[in-house]
Amino acid sequence: MSGVNKVTIVAFAMMLCILLQTNISKADTFLAGDANGWGFQLNGWPNGKTFKTGDVIEFKYPAGAHNVVKVDQAGFDSCNGAGGQAFTSGDDKITLTQGTSYFICTIGPHCANGVKAAVTAN
């Protein structure tokens, strides 16, 4: 391989790394429920917010008092976490994928009492 080809490959690799870093750094982090956190006072959260693929939702709540279960739309509509992905740390960070992500709390009647959110990322 000639020196020119090596320089071209290295330059291309560096540009690719810069582009990937720029894309990653554009992700925003949103606190679920804003200052209230994840719980009974979601008050329509996330209405009015714009999310993009790669953004992170941070769910803060007292561990043991709530949980976060990522479910499909049927699980969201029925407040059924069966087959969902559960998070229980009290400070869960979940990266959004394209489309709508559904989150519920499966402790007691929490979901039925409004501890749930649907977030759409474009």
N, C-alpha and C. Protein backbone atom coordinates (compact mmCIF):
# COMPACT_ATOMS: atom_id res chain seq x y z
N MET A 1 0.86 -1.17 0.00
CA MET A 1 0.00 0.00 0.00
C MET A 1 0.91 1.23 0.00
N SER A 2 0.63 2.16 -0.85
CA SER A 2 1.47 3.35 -0.96
C SER A 2 1.19 4.31 0.20
N GLY A 3 2.08 5.23 0.42
CA GLY A 3 1.94 6.23 1.47
C GLY A 3 0.72 7.10 1.29
N VAL A 4 0.39 7.42 0.04
CA VAL A 4 -0.77 8.26 -0.24
C VAL A 4 -2.06 7.54 0.18
N ASN A 5 -2.15 6.23 -0.13
CA ASN A 5 -3.34 5.45 0.24
C ASN A 5 -3.49 5.38 1.76
N LYS A 6 -2.38 5.21 2.48
CA LYS A 6 -2.44 5.15 3.94
C LYS A 6 -2.93 6.48 4.52
N VAL A 7 -2.44 7.58 3.97
CA VAL A 7 -2.86 8.90 4.43
C VAL A 7 -4.35 9.11 4.16
N THR A 8 -4.81 8.67 3.01
CA THR A 8 -6.23 8.80 2.66
C THR A 8 -7.09 7.99 3.63
N ILE A 9 -6.68 6.79 3.93
CA ILE A 9 -7.43 5.92 4.85
C ILE A 9 -7.46 6.54 6.25
N VAL A 10 -6.32 7.02 6.72
CA VAL A 10 -6.26 7.63 8.05
C VAL A 10 -7.14 8.89 8.10
N ALA A 11 -7.06 9.72 7.06
CA ALA A 11 -7.88 10.94 7.02
C ALA A 11 -9.36 10.59 7.01
N PHE A 12 -9.75 9.60 6.24
CA PHE A 12 -11.15 9.17 6.20
C PHE A 12 -11.59 8.65 7.56
N ALA A 13 -10.77 7.85 8.21
CA ALA A 13 -11.11 7.31 9.53
C ALA A 13 -11.28 8.43 10.55
N MET A 14 -10.42 9.43 10.49
CA MET A 14 -10.52 10.56 11.42
C MET A 14 -11.81 11.35 11.18
N MET A 15 -12.16 11.58 9.92
CA MET A 15 -13.39 12.30 9.61
C MET A 15 -14.61 11.52 10.08
N LEU A 16 -14.58 10.22 9.90
CA LEU A 16 -15.68 9.38 10.35
C LEU A 16 -15.84 9.47 11.87
N CYS A 17 -14.74 9.41 12.60
CA CYS A 17 -14.79 9.53 14.06
C CYS A 17 -15.37 10.88 14.49
N ILE A 18 -14.96 11.94 13.82
CA ILE A 18 -15.48 13.28 14.14
C ILE A 18 -16.97 13.35 13.87
N LEU A 19 -17.42 12.81 12.75
CA LEU A 19 -18.84 12.82 12.42
C LEU A 19 -19.65 12.02 13.44
N LEU A 20 -19.15 10.87 13.83
CA LEU A 20 -19.86 10.05 14.82
C LEU A 20 -19.92 10.77 16.16
N GLN A 21 -18.84 11.39 16.58
CA GLN A 21 -18.82 12.11 17.84
C GLN A 21 -19.80 13.28 17.80
N THR A 22 -19.86 14.00 16.70
CA THR A 22 -20.79 15.12 16.56
C THR A 22 -22.22 14.64 16.68
N ASN A 23 -22.54 13.52 16.06
CA ASN A 23 -23.89 12.97 16.12
C ASN A 23 -24.25 12.55 17.54
N ILE A 24 -23.32 11.92 18.24
CA ILE A 24 -23.56 11.47 19.60
C ILE A 24 -23.75 12.66 20.53
N SER A 25 -22.96 13.69 20.35
CA SER A 25 -23.01 14.82 21.26
C SER A 25 -24.30 15.63 21.12
N LYS A 26 -25.06 15.43 20.07
CA LYS A 26 -26.30 16.17 19.87
C LYS A 26 -27.45 15.60 20.71
N ALA A 27 -27.27 14.44 21.30
CA ALA A 27 -28.34 13.83 22.10
C ALA A 27 -28.59 14.67 23.35
N ASP A 28 -29.86 14.82 23.70
CA ASP A 28 -30.25 15.54 24.91
C ASP A 28 -30.72 14.55 25.95
N THR A 29 -30.68 14.97 27.20
CA THR A 29 -31.20 14.17 28.30
C THR A 29 -32.40 14.91 28.89
N PHE A 30 -33.49 14.18 29.07
CA PHE A 30 -34.72 14.74 29.62
C PHE A 30 -35.04 14.02 30.92
N LEU A 31 -35.42 14.76 31.93
CA LEU A 31 -35.84 14.18 33.20
C LEU A 31 -37.33 13.86 33.10
N ALA A 32 -37.66 12.58 33.21
CA ALA A 32 -39.07 12.17 33.15
C ALA A 32 -39.83 12.86 34.27
N GLY A 33 -40.90 13.56 33.90
CA GLY A 33 -41.69 14.29 34.88
C GLY A 33 -41.12 15.64 35.25
N ASP A 34 -40.06 16.05 34.55
CA ASP A 34 -39.37 17.31 34.85
C ASP A 34 -38.97 17.32 36.33
N ALA A 35 -39.16 18.44 37.02
CA ALA A 35 -38.69 18.58 38.41
C ALA A 35 -39.41 17.62 39.37
N ASN A 36 -40.61 17.16 39.00
CA ASN A 36 -41.36 16.24 39.87
C ASN A 36 -40.80 14.83 39.84
N GLY A 37 -40.05 14.48 38.80
CA GLY A 37 -39.54 13.12 38.66
C GLY A 37 -40.62 12.16 38.21
N TRP A 38 -40.27 10.89 38.20
CA TRP A 38 -41.17 9.82 37.76
C TRP A 38 -42.08 9.46 38.92
N GLY A 39 -43.37 9.73 38.77
CA GLY A 39 -44.30 9.43 39.85
C GLY A 39 -45.69 9.93 39.51
N PHE A 40 -46.48 10.16 40.54
CA PHE A 40 -47.89 10.50 40.36
C PHE A 40 -48.14 11.89 39.82
N GLN A 41 -47.12 12.73 39.76
CA GLN A 41 -47.34 14.11 39.32
C GLN A 41 -46.71 14.38 37.96
N LEU A 42 -46.96 13.45 37.03
CA LEU A 42 -46.43 13.64 35.67
C LEU A 42 -47.17 14.76 34.94
N ASN A 43 -48.42 15.00 35.29
CA ASN A 43 -49.20 16.11 34.76
C ASN A 43 -49.07 16.28 33.24
N GLY A 44 -49.25 15.21 32.49
CA GLY A 44 -49.21 15.29 31.04
C GLY A 44 -47.81 15.23 30.44
N TRP A 45 -46.79 15.06 31.27
CA TRP A 45 -45.45 14.93 30.73
C TRP A 45 -45.46 13.73 29.78
N PRO A 46 -44.95 13.79 28.60
CA PRO A 46 -44.03 14.73 27.96
C PRO A 46 -44.68 15.68 26.96
N ASN A 47 -45.95 16.01 27.12
CA ASN A 47 -46.63 16.88 26.15
C ASN A 47 -45.83 18.15 25.90
N GLY A 48 -45.72 18.52 24.62
CA GLY A 48 -45.03 19.74 24.25
C GLY A 48 -43.53 19.61 24.08
N LYS A 49 -42.98 18.45 24.32
CA LYS A 49 -41.54 18.24 24.17
C LYS A 49 -41.25 17.55 22.85
N THR A 50 -40.09 17.84 22.29
CA THR A 50 -39.66 17.22 21.05
C THR A 50 -38.45 16.35 21.34
N PHE A 51 -38.54 15.08 20.95
CA PHE A 51 -37.47 14.12 21.19
C PHE A 51 -36.91 13.63 19.87
N LYS A 52 -35.63 13.27 19.89
CA LYS A 52 -35.02 12.67 18.71
C LYS A 52 -34.39 11.34 19.08
N THR A 53 -34.22 10.52 18.08
CA THR A 53 -33.57 9.24 18.28
C THR A 53 -32.20 9.48 18.92
N GLY A 54 -31.90 8.74 19.97
CA GLY A 54 -30.63 8.89 20.67
C GLY A 54 -30.73 9.73 21.93
N ASP A 55 -31.82 10.51 22.08
CA ASP A 55 -32.01 11.25 23.32
C ASP A 55 -32.17 10.26 24.47
N VAL A 56 -31.92 10.74 25.67
CA VAL A 56 -31.98 9.89 26.86
C VAL A 56 -33.07 10.42 27.79
N ILE A 57 -33.90 9.52 28.27
CA ILE A 57 -34.88 9.85 29.30
C ILE A 57 -34.31 9.32 30.62
N GLU A 58 -34.22 10.21 31.59
CA GLU A 58 -33.74 9.81 32.92
C GLU A 58 -34.93 9.75 33.86
N PHE A 59 -35.15 8.57 34.42
CA PHE A 59 -36.26 8.33 35.34
C PHE A 59 -35.71 8.34 36.76
N LYS A 60 -36.05 9.37 37.54
CA LYS A 60 -35.61 9.47 38.94
C LYS A 60 -36.82 9.27 39.84
N TYR A 61 -36.65 8.38 40.82
CA TYR A 61 -37.72 8.05 41.75
C TYR A 61 -37.11 7.32 42.93
N PRO A 62 -37.80 7.27 44.06
CA PRO A 62 -37.27 6.50 45.19
C PRO A 62 -37.30 5.00 44.84
N ALA A 63 -36.14 4.37 44.84
CA ALA A 63 -36.07 2.93 44.53
C ALA A 63 -37.00 2.17 45.47
N GLY A 64 -37.79 1.27 44.90
CA GLY A 64 -38.75 0.48 45.66
C GLY A 64 -40.14 1.11 45.68
N ALA A 65 -40.21 2.43 45.54
CA ALA A 65 -41.51 3.10 45.52
C ALA A 65 -42.14 3.04 44.15
N HIS A 66 -41.30 3.02 43.12
CA HIS A 66 -41.75 2.94 41.73
C HIS A 66 -40.78 2.03 40.98
N ASN A 67 -41.08 1.78 39.73
CA ASN A 67 -40.16 1.17 38.79
C ASN A 67 -40.48 1.75 37.42
N VAL A 68 -39.71 1.37 36.43
CA VAL A 68 -39.99 1.76 35.05
C VAL A 68 -39.95 0.48 34.24
N VAL A 69 -41.00 0.23 33.49
CA VAL A 69 -41.03 -0.94 32.61
C VAL A 69 -41.31 -0.43 31.20
N LYS A 70 -40.39 -0.73 30.29
CA LYS A 70 -40.57 -0.37 28.89
C LYS A 70 -41.41 -1.47 28.26
N VAL A 71 -42.57 -1.08 27.72
CA VAL A 71 -43.54 -2.04 27.19
C VAL A 71 -43.93 -1.64 25.76
N ASP A 72 -44.71 -2.50 25.13
CA ASP A 72 -45.28 -2.15 23.83
C ASP A 72 -46.58 -1.38 24.07
N GLN A 73 -47.24 -0.95 22.99
CA GLN A 73 -48.44 -0.15 23.14
C GLN A 73 -49.55 -0.89 23.87
N ALA A 74 -49.69 -2.19 23.60
CA ALA A 74 -50.72 -2.97 24.29
C ALA A 74 -50.47 -2.99 25.79
N GLY A 75 -49.22 -3.18 26.20
CA GLY A 75 -48.87 -3.15 27.62
C GLY A 75 -49.13 -1.79 28.24
N PHE A 76 -48.86 -0.74 27.47
CA PHE A 76 -49.11 0.62 27.93
C PHE A 76 -50.61 0.85 28.13
N ASP A 77 -51.39 0.48 27.13
CA ASP A 77 -52.83 0.71 27.19
C ASP A 77 -53.50 -0.06 28.32
N SER A 78 -53.00 -1.28 28.59
CA SER A 78 -53.62 -2.14 29.61
C SER A 78 -52.88 -2.11 30.94
N CYS A 79 -51.79 -1.33 31.02
CA CYS A 79 -50.95 -1.28 32.24
C CYS A 79 -50.45 -2.67 32.61
N ASN A 80 -49.99 -3.41 31.60
CA ASN A 80 -49.48 -4.76 31.82
C ASN A 80 -48.01 -4.79 31.43
N GLY A 81 -47.16 -5.04 32.42
CA GLY A 81 -45.71 -5.05 32.19
C GLY A 81 -45.15 -6.39 31.77
N ALA A 82 -45.99 -7.42 31.62
CA ALA A 82 -45.50 -8.75 31.25
C ALA A 82 -44.72 -8.68 29.94
N GLY A 83 -43.52 -9.21 29.95
CA GLY A 83 -42.68 -9.23 28.76
C GLY A 83 -41.93 -7.93 28.51
N GLY A 84 -42.13 -6.95 29.37
CA GLY A 84 -41.44 -5.67 29.22
C GLY A 84 -40.05 -5.71 29.84
N GLN A 85 -39.29 -4.66 29.59
CA GLN A 85 -37.95 -4.53 30.15
C GLN A 85 -38.05 -3.66 31.40
N ALA A 86 -37.72 -4.23 32.57
CA ALA A 86 -37.88 -3.54 33.85
C ALA A 86 -36.59 -2.86 34.29
N PHE A 87 -36.76 -1.68 34.88
CA PHE A 87 -35.67 -0.90 35.45
C PHE A 87 -36.09 -0.55 36.88
N THR A 88 -35.17 -0.68 37.84
CA THR A 88 -35.55 -0.51 39.24
C THR A 88 -34.55 0.27 40.08
N SER A 89 -33.58 0.93 39.47
CA SER A 89 -32.50 1.55 40.25
C SER A 89 -32.90 2.83 40.96
N GLY A 90 -33.95 3.50 40.49
CA GLY A 90 -34.29 4.81 41.03
C GLY A 90 -33.65 5.95 40.25
N ASP A 91 -32.71 5.60 39.37
CA ASP A 91 -32.08 6.58 38.48
C ASP A 91 -31.74 5.87 37.18
N ASP A 92 -32.78 5.60 36.40
CA ASP A 92 -32.64 4.81 35.18
C ASP A 92 -32.52 5.74 33.97
N LYS A 93 -31.54 5.48 33.13
CA LYS A 93 -31.33 6.27 31.91
C LYS A 93 -31.60 5.37 30.71
N ILE A 94 -32.58 5.75 29.90
CA ILE A 94 -32.99 4.92 28.77
C ILE A 94 -32.86 5.74 27.49
N THR A 95 -32.10 5.20 26.53
CA THR A 95 -31.89 5.87 25.25
C THR A 95 -33.06 5.56 24.32
N LEU A 96 -33.59 6.61 23.72
CA LEU A 96 -34.75 6.46 22.83
C LEU A 96 -34.34 5.94 21.46
N THR A 97 -35.16 5.05 20.94
CA THR A 97 -35.03 4.59 19.57
C THR A 97 -36.11 5.30 18.76
N GLN A 98 -36.02 5.21 17.44
CA GLN A 98 -36.99 5.89 16.59
C GLN A 98 -38.38 5.29 16.80
N GLY A 99 -39.37 6.16 16.83
CA GLY A 99 -40.74 5.73 17.03
C GLY A 99 -41.19 6.05 18.45
N THR A 100 -42.26 5.40 18.87
CA THR A 100 -42.82 5.67 20.20
C THR A 100 -42.36 4.60 21.18
N SER A 101 -41.86 5.06 22.32
CA SER A 101 -41.47 4.18 23.42
C SER A 101 -42.50 4.38 24.53
N TYR A 102 -42.88 3.27 25.14
CA TYR A 102 -43.92 3.28 26.17
C TYR A 102 -43.33 2.85 27.50
N PHE A 103 -43.61 3.63 28.55
CA PHE A 103 -43.07 3.36 29.87
C PHE A 103 -44.20 3.36 30.89
N ILE A 104 -44.19 2.38 31.79
CA ILE A 104 -45.20 2.31 32.85
C ILE A 104 -44.52 1.94 34.16
N CYS A 105 -45.21 2.21 35.27
CA CYS A 105 -44.81 1.70 36.58
C CYS A 105 -45.74 0.55 36.90
N THR A 106 -45.17 -0.60 37.28
CA THR A 106 -46.00 -1.78 37.54
C THR A 106 -46.21 -2.05 39.03
N ILE A 107 -45.87 -1.11 39.88
CA ILE A 107 -46.09 -1.30 41.32
C ILE A 107 -47.53 -0.92 41.64
N GLY A 108 -48.26 -1.87 42.24
CA GLY A 108 -49.65 -1.63 42.61
C GLY A 108 -50.45 -1.04 41.46
N PRO A 109 -51.34 -0.10 41.78
CA PRO A 109 -52.17 0.53 40.74
C PRO A 109 -51.53 1.80 40.16
N HIS A 110 -50.20 1.94 40.29
CA HIS A 110 -49.55 3.18 39.86
C HIS A 110 -49.84 3.53 38.41
N CYS A 111 -49.69 2.56 37.51
CA CYS A 111 -49.92 2.83 36.09
C CYS A 111 -51.36 3.30 35.87
N ALA A 112 -52.32 2.61 36.45
CA ALA A 112 -53.72 2.97 36.28
C ALA A 112 -54.00 4.37 36.85
N ASN A 113 -53.16 4.79 37.79
CA ASN A 113 -53.30 6.12 38.40
C ASN A 113 -52.42 7.16 37.72
N GLY A 114 -51.89 6.83 36.54
CA GLY A 114 -51.21 7.83 35.73
C GLY A 114 -49.70 7.79 35.68
N VAL A 115 -49.07 6.82 36.31
CA VAL A 115 -47.61 6.75 36.26
C VAL A 115 -47.22 5.97 35.01
N LYS A 116 -47.31 6.67 33.89
CA LYS A 116 -47.01 6.10 32.58
C LYS A 116 -46.75 7.25 31.61
N ALA A 117 -45.95 6.96 30.59
CA ALA A 117 -45.64 7.99 29.60
C ALA A 117 -45.32 7.32 28.27
N ALA A 118 -45.79 7.96 27.20
CA ALA A 118 -45.46 7.55 25.85
C ALA A 118 -44.60 8.66 25.23
N VAL A 119 -43.44 8.29 24.73
CA VAL A 119 -42.48 9.27 24.21
C VAL A 119 -42.16 8.91 22.76
N THR A 120 -42.37 9.87 21.85
CA THR A 120 -42.09 9.63 20.43
C THR A 120 -40.83 10.37 20.01
N ALA A 121 -39.88 9.61 19.46
CA ALA A 121 -38.61 10.17 18.97
C ALA A 121 -38.60 10.11 17.45
N ASN A 122 -38.20 11.20 16.83
CA ASN A 122 -38.11 11.26 15.38
C ASN A 122 -36.67 11.10 14.94
